[in-house]
Structure formats: structure tokens, C-alpha cells
N, C-alpha and C. Protein backbone atom coordinates (compact mmCIF):
# COMPACT_ATOMS: atom_id res chain seq x y z
N MET A 1 -69.17 -16.35 32.95
CA MET A 1 -70.26 -17.09 32.34
C MET A 1 -69.66 -18.21 31.48
N ALA A 2 -70.19 -19.42 31.61
CA ALA A 2 -69.69 -20.56 30.85
C ALA A 2 -70.08 -20.44 29.39
N LYS A 3 -69.12 -20.79 28.53
CA LYS A 3 -69.37 -20.76 27.10
C LYS A 3 -70.30 -21.91 26.73
N GLN A 4 -71.36 -21.60 25.99
CA GLN A 4 -72.32 -22.63 25.58
C GLN A 4 -71.68 -23.50 24.50
N ARG A 5 -71.80 -24.82 24.69
CA ARG A 5 -71.24 -25.74 23.70
C ARG A 5 -72.08 -25.72 22.44
N LYS A 6 -71.41 -25.72 21.33
CA LYS A 6 -72.09 -25.78 20.04
C LYS A 6 -72.32 -27.25 19.70
N LYS A 7 -73.49 -27.57 19.21
CA LYS A 7 -73.79 -28.94 18.80
C LYS A 7 -73.27 -29.16 17.39
N LEU A 8 -73.00 -30.43 17.08
CA LEU A 8 -72.52 -30.80 15.75
C LEU A 8 -73.41 -31.89 15.18
N LEU A 9 -73.85 -31.68 13.95
CA LEU A 9 -74.65 -32.67 13.22
C LEU A 9 -73.78 -33.18 12.08
N ILE A 10 -73.56 -34.51 12.06
CA ILE A 10 -72.78 -35.14 10.99
C ILE A 10 -73.72 -36.06 10.23
N VAL A 11 -73.83 -35.85 8.92
CA VAL A 11 -74.76 -36.63 8.10
C VAL A 11 -73.97 -37.47 7.09
N ASP A 12 -74.24 -38.76 7.09
CA ASP A 12 -73.65 -39.70 6.13
C ASP A 12 -74.46 -39.58 4.84
N GLY A 13 -74.01 -38.68 3.95
CA GLY A 13 -74.79 -38.25 2.79
C GLY A 13 -75.38 -39.35 1.93
N TYR A 14 -74.52 -40.18 1.34
CA TYR A 14 -75.05 -41.20 0.43
C TYR A 14 -75.87 -42.24 1.16
N ASN A 15 -75.52 -42.53 2.41
CA ASN A 15 -76.30 -43.50 3.18
C ASN A 15 -77.72 -42.98 3.39
N VAL A 16 -77.85 -41.70 3.72
CA VAL A 16 -79.17 -41.10 3.93
C VAL A 16 -79.95 -41.08 2.61
N LEU A 17 -79.27 -40.79 1.51
CA LEU A 17 -79.95 -40.78 0.21
C LEU A 17 -80.47 -42.16 -0.16
N ARG A 18 -79.78 -43.19 0.23
CA ARG A 18 -80.18 -44.56 -0.11
C ARG A 18 -81.17 -45.15 0.90
N SER A 19 -81.12 -44.68 2.16
CA SER A 19 -81.92 -45.32 3.21
C SER A 19 -83.05 -44.46 3.76
N GLY A 20 -82.96 -43.15 3.63
CA GLY A 20 -83.98 -42.26 4.19
C GLY A 20 -85.23 -42.23 3.33
N SER A 21 -86.38 -42.42 3.93
CA SER A 21 -87.63 -42.49 3.17
C SER A 21 -87.93 -41.19 2.42
N ARG A 22 -87.42 -40.08 2.89
CA ARG A 22 -87.67 -38.79 2.25
C ARG A 22 -86.89 -38.65 0.93
N TYR A 23 -85.78 -39.36 0.80
CA TYR A 23 -84.88 -39.16 -0.33
C TYR A 23 -84.75 -40.38 -1.22
N ARG A 24 -85.05 -41.51 -0.71
CA ARG A 24 -84.77 -42.82 -1.30
C ARG A 24 -84.47 -42.79 -2.79
N VAL A 25 -83.22 -43.08 -3.09
CA VAL A 25 -82.74 -43.14 -4.46
C VAL A 25 -82.36 -44.59 -4.73
N ALA A 26 -82.72 -45.10 -5.90
CA ALA A 26 -82.42 -46.49 -6.25
C ALA A 26 -80.92 -46.73 -6.22
N PRO A 27 -80.48 -47.86 -5.64
CA PRO A 27 -79.05 -48.14 -5.51
C PRO A 27 -78.28 -48.15 -6.82
N GLU A 28 -78.96 -48.49 -7.91
CA GLU A 28 -78.24 -48.57 -9.19
C GLU A 28 -78.14 -47.23 -9.90
N GLU A 29 -78.75 -46.18 -9.35
CA GLU A 29 -78.71 -44.89 -10.03
C GLU A 29 -77.30 -44.31 -9.99
N ASP A 30 -76.93 -43.69 -11.08
CA ASP A 30 -75.63 -43.07 -11.24
C ASP A 30 -75.58 -41.78 -10.41
N TYR A 31 -74.41 -41.48 -9.84
CA TYR A 31 -74.25 -40.27 -9.04
C TYR A 31 -74.41 -39.00 -9.87
N THR A 32 -74.37 -39.12 -11.19
CA THR A 32 -74.55 -37.94 -12.04
C THR A 32 -75.98 -37.84 -12.57
N ASP A 33 -76.82 -38.79 -12.23
CA ASP A 33 -78.21 -38.82 -12.66
C ASP A 33 -78.95 -37.61 -12.09
N ASP A 34 -79.85 -37.02 -12.89
CA ASP A 34 -80.61 -35.84 -12.45
C ASP A 34 -81.43 -36.12 -11.20
N THR A 35 -82.07 -37.29 -11.14
CA THR A 35 -82.87 -37.64 -9.97
C THR A 35 -82.00 -37.71 -8.73
N PHE A 36 -80.84 -38.32 -8.88
CA PHE A 36 -79.91 -38.44 -7.76
C PHE A 36 -79.43 -37.06 -7.32
N ASN A 37 -79.06 -36.22 -8.28
CA ASN A 37 -78.60 -34.87 -7.95
C ASN A 37 -79.70 -34.05 -7.28
N ALA A 38 -80.94 -34.22 -7.72
CA ALA A 38 -82.06 -33.50 -7.09
C ALA A 38 -82.23 -33.97 -5.64
N ALA A 39 -82.10 -35.27 -5.41
CA ALA A 39 -82.21 -35.80 -4.05
C ALA A 39 -81.07 -35.27 -3.18
N ARG A 40 -79.86 -35.20 -3.75
CA ARG A 40 -78.71 -34.67 -3.00
C ARG A 40 -78.94 -33.21 -2.64
N GLU A 41 -79.45 -32.41 -3.59
CA GLU A 41 -79.75 -31.00 -3.31
C GLU A 41 -80.83 -30.87 -2.23
N MET A 42 -81.83 -31.74 -2.30
CA MET A 42 -82.89 -31.72 -1.30
C MET A 42 -82.32 -32.02 0.09
N LEU A 43 -81.43 -33.02 0.17
CA LEU A 43 -80.80 -33.35 1.45
C LEU A 43 -80.00 -32.17 1.98
N ILE A 44 -79.21 -31.54 1.13
CA ILE A 44 -78.41 -30.40 1.56
C ILE A 44 -79.31 -29.29 2.08
N ASN A 45 -80.38 -28.96 1.35
CA ASN A 45 -81.32 -27.92 1.80
C ASN A 45 -81.97 -28.30 3.12
N ASP A 46 -82.34 -29.56 3.26
CA ASP A 46 -82.97 -30.01 4.50
C ASP A 46 -82.01 -29.89 5.69
N VAL A 47 -80.75 -30.24 5.48
CA VAL A 47 -79.77 -30.13 6.57
C VAL A 47 -79.53 -28.67 6.92
N VAL A 48 -79.46 -27.80 5.92
CA VAL A 48 -79.31 -26.36 6.17
C VAL A 48 -80.46 -25.87 7.05
N ASN A 49 -81.69 -26.23 6.69
CA ASN A 49 -82.87 -25.79 7.44
C ASN A 49 -82.94 -26.45 8.81
N TYR A 50 -82.63 -27.72 8.90
CA TYR A 50 -82.71 -28.47 10.16
C TYR A 50 -81.69 -27.94 11.16
N ALA A 51 -80.47 -27.70 10.70
CA ALA A 51 -79.41 -27.24 11.60
C ALA A 51 -79.66 -25.81 12.04
N GLY A 52 -80.13 -24.97 11.12
CA GLY A 52 -80.41 -23.58 11.45
C GLY A 52 -79.25 -22.94 12.18
N SER A 53 -79.55 -22.24 13.23
CA SER A 53 -78.50 -21.61 14.04
C SER A 53 -78.22 -22.42 15.30
N ASP A 54 -78.90 -23.55 15.44
CA ASP A 54 -78.75 -24.37 16.65
C ASP A 54 -77.47 -25.20 16.66
N CYS A 55 -76.99 -25.58 15.49
CA CYS A 55 -75.80 -26.44 15.48
C CYS A 55 -75.01 -26.28 14.20
N LYS A 56 -73.76 -26.69 14.28
CA LYS A 56 -72.94 -26.77 13.08
C LYS A 56 -73.29 -28.08 12.41
N ALA A 57 -73.18 -28.12 11.10
CA ALA A 57 -73.52 -29.35 10.38
C ALA A 57 -72.50 -29.65 9.30
N VAL A 58 -72.27 -30.95 9.11
CA VAL A 58 -71.37 -31.44 8.07
C VAL A 58 -72.07 -32.59 7.37
N ILE A 59 -72.11 -32.55 6.05
CA ILE A 59 -72.60 -33.68 5.27
C ILE A 59 -71.38 -34.29 4.59
N VAL A 60 -71.18 -35.59 4.82
CA VAL A 60 -70.03 -36.28 4.24
C VAL A 60 -70.51 -37.23 3.15
N PHE A 61 -69.99 -37.03 1.94
CA PHE A 61 -70.27 -37.92 0.82
C PHE A 61 -69.00 -38.71 0.52
N ASP A 62 -69.17 -39.92 0.03
CA ASP A 62 -68.02 -40.77 -0.26
C ASP A 62 -67.41 -40.40 -1.60
N GLY A 63 -66.14 -39.99 -1.58
CA GLY A 63 -65.42 -39.66 -2.79
C GLY A 63 -64.23 -40.58 -3.00
N ALA A 64 -64.21 -41.71 -2.27
CA ALA A 64 -63.06 -42.62 -2.27
C ALA A 64 -62.67 -43.09 -3.66
N LYS A 65 -63.64 -43.32 -4.53
CA LYS A 65 -63.34 -43.85 -5.87
C LYS A 65 -63.15 -42.74 -6.91
N ASN A 66 -63.18 -41.50 -6.46
CA ASN A 66 -62.99 -40.37 -7.37
C ASN A 66 -61.56 -39.87 -7.23
N ALA A 67 -60.76 -40.08 -8.25
CA ALA A 67 -59.34 -39.70 -8.21
C ALA A 67 -59.15 -38.20 -8.00
N PHE A 68 -60.15 -37.39 -8.32
CA PHE A 68 -60.03 -35.95 -8.21
C PHE A 68 -60.51 -35.40 -6.87
N SER A 69 -61.07 -36.25 -6.03
CA SER A 69 -61.59 -35.79 -4.74
C SER A 69 -60.44 -35.56 -3.77
N ASN A 70 -60.38 -34.34 -3.22
CA ASN A 70 -59.28 -34.00 -2.31
C ASN A 70 -59.74 -33.86 -0.86
N GLY A 71 -61.02 -34.04 -0.60
CA GLY A 71 -61.52 -33.95 0.77
C GLY A 71 -61.76 -32.54 1.26
N GLU A 72 -61.57 -31.56 0.39
CA GLU A 72 -61.81 -30.16 0.77
C GLU A 72 -63.29 -29.92 1.01
N ALA A 73 -63.59 -29.14 2.03
CA ALA A 73 -64.99 -28.83 2.36
C ALA A 73 -65.45 -27.60 1.59
N GLU A 74 -66.72 -27.61 1.26
CA GLU A 74 -67.37 -26.47 0.62
C GLU A 74 -68.53 -26.09 1.54
N LYS A 75 -68.79 -24.80 1.69
CA LYS A 75 -69.91 -24.38 2.54
C LYS A 75 -71.12 -24.03 1.70
N VAL A 76 -72.26 -24.54 2.11
CA VAL A 76 -73.54 -24.22 1.48
C VAL A 76 -74.50 -23.87 2.60
N GLY A 77 -74.94 -22.62 2.64
CA GLY A 77 -75.88 -22.19 3.66
C GLY A 77 -75.41 -22.44 5.08
N GLY A 78 -74.10 -22.35 5.30
CA GLY A 78 -73.55 -22.57 6.63
C GLY A 78 -73.24 -24.02 6.94
N VAL A 79 -73.57 -24.93 6.04
CA VAL A 79 -73.30 -26.36 6.23
C VAL A 79 -72.07 -26.73 5.43
N ARG A 80 -71.15 -27.46 6.07
CA ARG A 80 -69.96 -27.95 5.36
C ARG A 80 -70.32 -29.19 4.57
N ILE A 81 -69.97 -29.20 3.30
CA ILE A 81 -70.17 -30.36 2.43
C ILE A 81 -68.78 -30.92 2.15
N VAL A 82 -68.57 -32.19 2.50
CA VAL A 82 -67.26 -32.81 2.32
C VAL A 82 -67.41 -34.08 1.49
N PHE A 83 -66.59 -34.19 0.45
CA PHE A 83 -66.44 -35.45 -0.27
C PHE A 83 -65.14 -36.04 0.23
N SER A 84 -65.18 -37.26 0.75
CA SER A 84 -63.96 -37.86 1.30
C SER A 84 -62.87 -37.87 0.24
N PRO A 85 -61.60 -37.78 0.66
CA PRO A 85 -60.52 -37.78 -0.32
C PRO A 85 -60.42 -39.11 -1.05
N ALA A 86 -59.85 -39.08 -2.24
CA ALA A 86 -59.66 -40.30 -3.03
C ALA A 86 -58.95 -41.34 -2.16
N GLY A 87 -59.47 -42.56 -2.18
CA GLY A 87 -58.87 -43.65 -1.43
C GLY A 87 -59.31 -43.74 0.02
N GLN A 88 -60.11 -42.79 0.49
CA GLN A 88 -60.60 -42.83 1.88
C GLN A 88 -62.12 -42.81 1.87
N SER A 89 -62.72 -43.69 2.63
CA SER A 89 -64.18 -43.78 2.65
C SER A 89 -64.79 -42.66 3.47
N ALA A 90 -66.05 -42.38 3.20
CA ALA A 90 -66.80 -41.40 3.99
C ALA A 90 -66.88 -41.88 5.44
N ASP A 91 -66.94 -43.20 5.63
CA ASP A 91 -67.02 -43.76 6.98
C ASP A 91 -65.85 -43.29 7.84
N LYS A 92 -64.65 -43.32 7.28
CA LYS A 92 -63.45 -42.90 8.03
C LYS A 92 -63.51 -41.42 8.36
N VAL A 93 -63.99 -40.61 7.43
CA VAL A 93 -64.11 -39.17 7.67
C VAL A 93 -65.12 -38.92 8.79
N ILE A 94 -66.26 -39.61 8.74
CA ILE A 94 -67.30 -39.46 9.76
C ILE A 94 -66.76 -39.89 11.12
N GLU A 95 -66.08 -41.03 11.17
CA GLU A 95 -65.52 -41.51 12.43
C GLU A 95 -64.54 -40.50 13.01
N LYS A 96 -63.69 -39.90 12.16
CA LYS A 96 -62.73 -38.90 12.64
C LYS A 96 -63.44 -37.64 13.14
N LEU A 97 -64.42 -37.17 12.39
CA LEU A 97 -65.17 -35.99 12.84
C LEU A 97 -65.83 -36.24 14.19
N ALA A 98 -66.45 -37.41 14.35
CA ALA A 98 -67.11 -37.75 15.62
C ALA A 98 -66.09 -37.87 16.74
N HIS A 99 -64.95 -38.49 16.47
CA HIS A 99 -63.90 -38.65 17.48
C HIS A 99 -63.37 -37.29 17.91
N ASP A 100 -63.07 -36.42 16.94
CA ASP A 100 -62.57 -35.08 17.25
C ASP A 100 -63.58 -34.28 18.06
N ALA A 101 -64.85 -34.39 17.72
CA ALA A 101 -65.91 -33.68 18.46
C ALA A 101 -65.99 -34.20 19.89
N ARG A 102 -65.88 -35.51 20.04
CA ARG A 102 -65.90 -36.12 21.37
C ARG A 102 -64.73 -35.60 22.20
N GLU A 103 -63.56 -35.50 21.59
CA GLU A 103 -62.36 -34.99 22.29
C GLU A 103 -62.58 -33.55 22.76
N ARG A 104 -63.29 -32.77 21.97
CA ARG A 104 -63.57 -31.37 22.31
C ARG A 104 -64.82 -31.23 23.18
N GLN A 105 -65.42 -32.36 23.53
CA GLN A 105 -66.64 -32.41 24.34
C GLN A 105 -67.79 -31.65 23.68
N VAL A 106 -67.91 -31.81 22.38
CA VAL A 106 -69.00 -31.20 21.62
C VAL A 106 -70.11 -32.23 21.48
N GLU A 107 -71.31 -31.84 21.85
CA GLU A 107 -72.47 -32.72 21.69
C GLU A 107 -72.68 -32.97 20.21
N THR A 108 -72.71 -34.25 19.82
CA THR A 108 -72.72 -34.61 18.40
C THR A 108 -73.82 -35.61 18.08
N LEU A 109 -74.46 -35.42 16.93
CA LEU A 109 -75.45 -36.36 16.41
C LEU A 109 -74.98 -36.82 15.05
N VAL A 110 -74.83 -38.14 14.89
CA VAL A 110 -74.44 -38.73 13.61
C VAL A 110 -75.68 -39.35 12.98
N VAL A 111 -76.00 -38.93 11.76
CA VAL A 111 -77.16 -39.46 11.04
C VAL A 111 -76.66 -40.47 10.01
N THR A 112 -76.97 -41.75 10.25
CA THR A 112 -76.60 -42.82 9.33
C THR A 112 -77.38 -44.07 9.69
N SER A 113 -77.57 -44.93 8.71
CA SER A 113 -78.14 -46.24 8.98
C SER A 113 -77.08 -47.32 8.84
N ASP A 114 -75.83 -46.90 8.69
CA ASP A 114 -74.70 -47.81 8.59
C ASP A 114 -74.36 -48.32 9.99
N ALA A 115 -74.58 -49.61 10.22
CA ALA A 115 -74.38 -50.20 11.55
C ALA A 115 -72.94 -50.04 12.04
N THR A 116 -71.98 -50.16 11.15
CA THR A 116 -70.57 -50.04 11.55
C THR A 116 -70.28 -48.64 12.07
N ILE A 117 -70.73 -47.63 11.35
CA ILE A 117 -70.51 -46.25 11.81
C ILE A 117 -71.25 -46.02 13.13
N GLN A 118 -72.47 -46.52 13.22
CA GLN A 118 -73.23 -46.36 14.46
C GLN A 118 -72.46 -46.96 15.63
N ASP A 119 -71.90 -48.15 15.44
CA ASP A 119 -71.17 -48.82 16.52
C ASP A 119 -69.88 -48.09 16.89
N THR A 120 -69.16 -47.57 15.90
CA THR A 120 -67.86 -46.96 16.19
C THR A 120 -67.97 -45.52 16.69
N THR A 121 -69.08 -44.85 16.43
CA THR A 121 -69.18 -43.44 16.84
C THR A 121 -70.04 -43.22 18.07
N PHE A 122 -70.89 -44.17 18.41
CA PHE A 122 -71.87 -43.96 19.48
C PHE A 122 -71.20 -43.93 20.85
N GLY A 123 -71.70 -43.06 21.71
CA GLY A 123 -71.25 -43.00 23.10
C GLY A 123 -70.43 -41.77 23.39
N PHE A 124 -70.29 -41.47 24.68
CA PHE A 124 -69.48 -40.36 25.16
C PHE A 124 -69.82 -39.03 24.48
N GLY A 125 -71.08 -38.70 24.45
CA GLY A 125 -71.50 -37.42 23.88
C GLY A 125 -71.85 -37.48 22.41
N VAL A 126 -71.72 -38.65 21.79
CA VAL A 126 -72.08 -38.81 20.38
C VAL A 126 -73.34 -39.67 20.31
N ASP A 127 -74.41 -39.09 19.79
CA ASP A 127 -75.66 -39.82 19.61
C ASP A 127 -75.82 -40.18 18.15
N ARG A 128 -76.77 -41.04 17.87
CA ARG A 128 -77.00 -41.45 16.48
C ARG A 128 -78.48 -41.38 16.16
N MET A 129 -78.75 -41.22 14.88
CA MET A 129 -80.11 -41.22 14.38
C MET A 129 -80.07 -41.95 13.04
N SER A 130 -81.05 -42.79 12.79
CA SER A 130 -81.09 -43.51 11.52
C SER A 130 -81.45 -42.55 10.39
N ALA A 131 -81.15 -42.96 9.18
CA ALA A 131 -81.49 -42.16 8.00
C ALA A 131 -83.00 -41.94 7.92
N ASP A 132 -83.75 -43.00 8.19
CA ASP A 132 -85.21 -42.87 8.14
C ASP A 132 -85.73 -42.01 9.29
N GLY A 133 -85.10 -42.12 10.46
CA GLY A 133 -85.47 -41.27 11.59
C GLY A 133 -85.25 -39.80 11.26
N PHE A 134 -84.15 -39.51 10.56
CA PHE A 134 -83.87 -38.14 10.14
C PHE A 134 -84.92 -37.68 9.13
N SER A 135 -85.28 -38.55 8.20
CA SER A 135 -86.32 -38.22 7.21
C SER A 135 -87.62 -37.84 7.91
N ARG A 136 -88.02 -38.64 8.89
CA ARG A 136 -89.26 -38.35 9.62
C ARG A 136 -89.14 -37.05 10.42
N GLU A 137 -87.98 -36.81 11.02
CA GLU A 137 -87.77 -35.60 11.80
C GLU A 137 -87.84 -34.35 10.91
N VAL A 138 -87.25 -34.41 9.74
CA VAL A 138 -87.31 -33.29 8.79
C VAL A 138 -88.75 -33.06 8.35
N ASP A 139 -89.47 -34.14 8.03
CA ASP A 139 -90.88 -34.00 7.65
C ASP A 139 -91.68 -33.35 8.77
N ARG A 140 -91.42 -33.75 10.02
CA ARG A 140 -92.12 -33.19 11.17
C ARG A 140 -91.82 -31.69 11.31
N CYS A 141 -90.57 -31.32 11.14
CA CYS A 141 -90.19 -29.90 11.24
C CYS A 141 -90.87 -29.06 10.17
N TYR A 142 -90.90 -29.58 8.94
CA TYR A 142 -91.58 -28.85 7.86
C TYR A 142 -93.08 -28.75 8.13
N GLU A 143 -93.67 -29.80 8.66
CA GLU A 143 -95.10 -29.78 8.98
C GLU A 143 -95.39 -28.75 10.07
N GLU A 144 -94.54 -28.70 11.11
CA GLU A 144 -94.71 -27.70 12.17
C GLU A 144 -94.60 -26.29 11.60
N ALA A 145 -93.64 -26.07 10.72
CA ALA A 145 -93.46 -24.75 10.11
C ALA A 145 -94.68 -24.39 9.26
N ARG A 146 -95.20 -25.37 8.53
CA ARG A 146 -96.39 -25.12 7.70
C ARG A 146 -97.57 -24.76 8.58
N LEU A 147 -97.74 -25.46 9.69
CA LEU A 147 -98.85 -25.17 10.59
C LEU A 147 -98.69 -23.81 11.25
N ASP A 148 -97.45 -23.41 11.53
CA ASP A 148 -97.20 -22.10 12.11
C ASP A 148 -97.58 -20.98 11.16
N ASP A 149 -97.54 -21.26 9.85
CA ASP A 149 -97.86 -20.24 8.85
C ASP A 149 -99.35 -20.13 8.55
N THR A 150 -100.16 -21.05 9.05
CA THR A 150 -101.59 -21.00 8.75
C THR A 150 -102.26 -19.95 9.64
N PRO A 151 -103.26 -19.26 9.11
CA PRO A 151 -103.96 -18.26 9.90
C PRO A 151 -104.61 -18.88 11.14
N LYS A 152 -104.55 -18.16 12.24
CA LYS A 152 -105.10 -18.68 13.49
C LYS A 152 -106.54 -18.23 13.74
N VAL A 153 -107.02 -17.23 12.96
CA VAL A 153 -108.38 -16.73 13.14
C VAL A 153 -109.16 -16.90 11.84
N ALA A 154 -110.44 -17.12 11.98
CA ALA A 154 -111.28 -17.34 10.80
C ALA A 154 -111.76 -16.03 10.19
N GLU A 155 -111.81 -14.95 10.98
CA GLU A 155 -112.30 -13.68 10.44
C GLU A 155 -111.23 -12.61 10.56
N LYS A 156 -111.39 -11.58 9.78
CA LYS A 156 -110.45 -10.48 9.79
C LYS A 156 -110.54 -9.76 11.13
N ASN A 157 -109.41 -9.49 11.72
CA ASN A 157 -109.35 -8.83 13.02
C ASN A 157 -109.19 -7.32 12.78
N THR A 158 -110.26 -6.55 13.05
CA THR A 158 -110.23 -5.10 12.83
C THR A 158 -110.37 -4.38 14.15
N VAL A 159 -110.11 -3.07 14.13
CA VAL A 159 -110.29 -2.26 15.33
C VAL A 159 -111.75 -2.31 15.76
N ALA A 160 -112.66 -2.23 14.79
CA ALA A 160 -114.09 -2.24 15.09
C ALA A 160 -114.51 -3.53 15.80
N SER A 161 -113.86 -4.63 15.47
CA SER A 161 -114.25 -5.90 16.11
C SER A 161 -113.73 -6.00 17.54
N ARG A 162 -112.78 -5.11 17.93
CA ARG A 162 -112.22 -5.17 19.28
C ARG A 162 -112.81 -4.12 20.22
N ILE A 163 -113.61 -3.19 19.69
CA ILE A 163 -114.20 -2.13 20.52
C ILE A 163 -115.57 -2.59 21.00
N ASP A 164 -115.86 -2.26 22.26
CA ASP A 164 -117.18 -2.66 22.77
C ASP A 164 -118.27 -1.93 21.98
N PRO A 165 -119.47 -2.52 21.84
CA PRO A 165 -120.54 -1.98 20.99
C PRO A 165 -120.96 -0.55 21.33
N ALA A 166 -120.99 -0.18 22.61
CA ALA A 166 -121.42 1.18 22.99
C ALA A 166 -120.44 2.22 22.46
N THR A 167 -119.15 1.96 22.63
CA THR A 167 -118.13 2.89 22.14
C THR A 167 -118.16 2.97 20.62
N LEU A 168 -118.36 1.85 19.96
CA LEU A 168 -118.44 1.82 18.51
C LEU A 168 -119.63 2.66 18.02
N ALA A 169 -120.76 2.56 18.70
CA ALA A 169 -121.95 3.34 18.32
C ALA A 169 -121.67 4.84 18.46
N LYS A 170 -120.97 5.24 19.54
CA LYS A 170 -120.63 6.65 19.73
C LYS A 170 -119.70 7.14 18.62
N LEU A 171 -118.71 6.34 18.27
CA LEU A 171 -117.78 6.73 17.21
C LEU A 171 -118.50 6.87 15.86
N LYS A 172 -119.42 5.95 15.59
CA LYS A 172 -120.19 6.03 14.34
C LYS A 172 -121.05 7.29 14.32
N ALA A 173 -121.65 7.63 15.46
CA ALA A 173 -122.48 8.84 15.55
C ALA A 173 -121.64 10.08 15.29
N LEU A 174 -120.43 10.14 15.88
CA LEU A 174 -119.52 11.27 15.64
C LEU A 174 -119.15 11.37 14.16
N ARG A 175 -118.84 10.23 13.56
CA ARG A 175 -118.48 10.21 12.15
C ARG A 175 -119.65 10.70 11.29
N ASP A 176 -120.86 10.20 11.59
CA ASP A 176 -122.03 10.56 10.80
C ASP A 176 -122.33 12.06 10.93
N ARG A 177 -122.16 12.60 12.15
CA ARG A 177 -122.40 14.02 12.36
C ARG A 177 -121.40 14.86 11.58
N ALA A 178 -120.14 14.42 11.56
CA ALA A 178 -119.09 15.17 10.86
C ALA A 178 -119.27 15.13 9.35
N THR A 179 -119.81 14.06 8.83
CA THR A 179 -119.99 13.94 7.38
C THR A 179 -121.37 14.41 6.93
N GLY A 180 -122.23 14.72 7.86
CA GLY A 180 -123.55 15.21 7.53
C GLY A 180 -124.51 14.12 7.10
N VAL A 181 -124.27 12.92 7.46
CA VAL A 181 -125.15 11.81 7.08
C VAL A 181 -126.32 11.72 8.00
């Protein structure tokens, strides 16, 4: 039996936070700002839920200007979170991840609105999705899940409602006789 290929989702973290309608953070906001951190947490949770068990996922954030960033990955809910190493852009990390996946013939989706990354990673088993497209897709998935949780019937479904009336009348008569009513 052929081994099923695992899909890979690569998300350009800060690009999605700046360009995706679901997360849109003002460009001048500080990376330590509470609003920015809340948006980053929301993105991470969304990627965890979106990827589920269907694919591996990596979110790459740019750590190039952070002298303490070593590029080590951290796992959150099964999703790898990577801050690019000091001196290296997230773009280079994303390009390498996509290239390596292509070499291994892993079906890959790169989420970014960065035209350069889209141009360098697209093709040969690597697809792309814009940040806003990802935002809409996540919204659609949450809406589907919400609709799946809504009750499908307007009335309570009981045993009595599923028994034909003649049988129900006989059962009621037996009950009434046993209780002396």
C-alpha cells in the first residue's frame, strides 16, 4: 500500500497579520503591543484548527532584527512556530521550507501576500494563498462548524414521537391499567 503524502501548510506570520482581513494589525504597532500579541495568538489558534490532522503546519515570523532569535521551532497544538534566526528574514526560511517540501514531493500551501515569496515558491507541488484568502477560508470553516453545532430539529425527539399512534395508545392503556388510573 502506498504511503499517503502528508500536506504542509506554511504561513508567513507577520504578513498575514498585516494583510489578512481577519487579523489586520496597523503597520506601526509594536510587536510587543497587546493588540498585536492578541492577533498573533488568534492566528496561531486559527492555524492549529485549520490544519487539524489533515496537514503539518508551520508559522514563520520574522526574527531577523532580534539578536536573540536563534530560529528554533516551538510547537503549539501540533503547529511549529518559527522565528527566523537573527540576520535572516522570514522570507528565506519560508523559501527553504517550500523548497525542501518540493524536494520531498510534499504537497505544500504557502499563505502570504508577499509577491516575492509567491513568485519564488509557487509551482511543482507548491500552491499559494493570499493572506486575505486565508482569512476568508478560516471564517468559512468556523461558520461551517457553527452551523454543524446548531440543532437540526425544532422539537424534542422522544420515543413517543416516533411510535405510531395505535401502538402508543396501547402502551398508555397498559400503563394506566398498571397504575390504576
